[in-house]
C-alpha atoms as a PDB file:
ATOM      1  CA  MET A   1    -145.320-122.274 154.520  1.00  0.00           C
ATOM      2  CA  LYS A   2    -147.939-121.402 151.643  1.00  0.00           C
ATOM      3  CA  ALA A   3    -152.068-122.242 151.278  1.00  0.00           C
ATOM      4  CA  GLY A   4    -152.424-125.542 151.062  1.00  0.00           C
ATOM      5  CA  ASP A   5    -149.681-127.088 153.035  1.00  0.00           C
ATOM      6  CA  LYS A   6    -150.536-129.951 155.760  1.00  0.00           C
ATOM      7  CA  ILE A   7    -148.901-129.343 159.220  1.00  0.00           C
ATOM      8  CA  GLN A   8    -149.241-130.482 162.537  1.00  0.00           C
ATOM      9  CA  ILE A   9    -149.991-128.015 165.546  1.00  0.00           C
ATOM     10  CA  ASP A  10    -149.890-128.475 169.276  1.00  0.00           C
ATOM     11  CA  PHE A  11    -153.482-127.841 170.617  1.00  0.00           C
ATOM     12  CA  ALA A  12    -154.498-128.668 174.441  1.00  0.00           C
ATOM     13  CA  GLY A  13    -151.411-130.991 174.510  1.00  0.00           C
ATOM     14  CA  LYS A  14    -151.988-132.901 171.423  1.00  0.00           C
ATOM     15  CA  LYS A  15    -151.263-133.079 167.982  1.00  0.00           C
ATOM     16  CA  LYS A  16    -153.758-131.894 165.525  1.00  0.00           C
ATOM     17  CA  ASP A  17    -153.684-131.921 161.693  1.00  0.00           C
ATOM     18  CA  ALA A  18    -154.148-128.814 160.168  1.00  0.00           C
ATOM     19  CA  LEU A  19    -154.276-127.094 156.448  1.00  0.00           C
ATOM     20  CA  VAL A  20    -152.753-123.885 155.700  1.00  0.00           C
ATOM     21  CA  HIS A  21    -155.761-121.389 155.175  1.00  0.00           C
ATOM     22  CA  GLU A  22    -154.180-118.056 154.447  1.00  0.00           C
ATOM     23  CA  VAL A  23    -150.894-116.664 155.629  1.00  0.00           C
ATOM     24  CA  HIS A  24    -150.357-113.107 156.314  1.00  0.00           C
ATOM     25  CA  ALA A  25    -146.977-111.298 157.975  1.00  0.00           C
ATOM     26  CA  ASN A  26    -147.510-112.226 161.323  1.00  0.00           C
ATOM     27  CA  THR A  27    -150.375-114.397 161.643  1.00  0.00           C
ATOM     28  CA  VAL A  28    -151.809-118.072 159.591  1.00  0.00           C
ATOM     29  CA  TYR A  29    -154.975-118.896 159.538  1.00  0.00           C
ATOM     30  CA  LEU A  30    -155.549-122.893 159.924  1.00  0.00           C
ATOM     31  CA  LYS A  31    -158.271-125.019 158.971  1.00  0.00           C
ATOM     32  CA  VAL A  32    -158.602-127.554 161.481  1.00  0.00           C
ATOM     33  CA  ASP A  33    -161.026-130.807 161.874  1.00  0.00           C
ATOM     34  CA  PHE A  34    -162.451-131.409 165.746  1.00  0.00           C
ATOM     35  CA  GLU A  35    -164.684-133.929 166.932  1.00  0.00           C
ATOM     36  CA  LYS A  36    -167.847-131.790 166.689  1.00  0.00           C
ATOM     37  CA  ASP A  37    -166.658-128.841 164.287  1.00  0.00           C
ATOM     38  CA  LYS A  38    -165.351-129.646 161.129  1.00  0.00           C
ATOM     39  CA  GLY A  39    -163.426-127.292 158.866  1.00  0.00           C
ATOM     40  CA  LYS A  40    -163.004-124.913 162.016  1.00  0.00           C
ATOM     41  CA  ILE A  41    -160.562-121.890 161.275  1.00  0.00           C
ATOM     42  CA  VAL A  42    -157.965-121.419 163.825  1.00  0.00           C
ATOM     43  CA  LYS A  43    -155.878-118.302 164.041  1.00  0.00           C
ATOM     44  CA  ARG A  44    -152.317-118.586 165.124  1.00  0.00           C
ATOM     45  CA  LYS A  45    -149.314-116.170 165.499  1.00  0.00           C
ATOM     46  CA  LEU A  46    -146.662-117.309 162.906  1.00  0.00           C
ATOM     47  CA  ASN A  47    -144.021-117.572 165.634  1.00  0.00           C
ATOM     48  CA  GLN A  48    -145.974-119.805 167.456  1.00  0.00           C
ATOM     49  CA  ILE A  49    -145.866-122.482 164.851  1.00  0.00           C
ATOM     50  CA  SER A  50    -143.313-124.647 164.570  1.00  0.00           C
ATOM     51  CA  GLY A  51    -144.354-125.163 160.815  1.00  0.00           C
ATOM     52  CA  LYS A  52    -143.621-129.200 160.595  1.00  0.00           C
ATOM     53  CA  LYS A  53    -144.848-130.294 157.591  1.00  0.00           C
ATOM     54  CA  LYS A  54    -146.869-133.664 157.572  1.00  0.00           C
END
């Protein structure tokens, strides 16, 4: 996984498309478009992300 990859994540029981913004040792920052907040940066632990590319 590297910056710029498009993946799908689970968010509130639904699948959301996300763009990998930054990758650190144990943390990943994702850019996700929500209905009322486009381009929001969401922080997740690396082990929580399945890493399924879109």
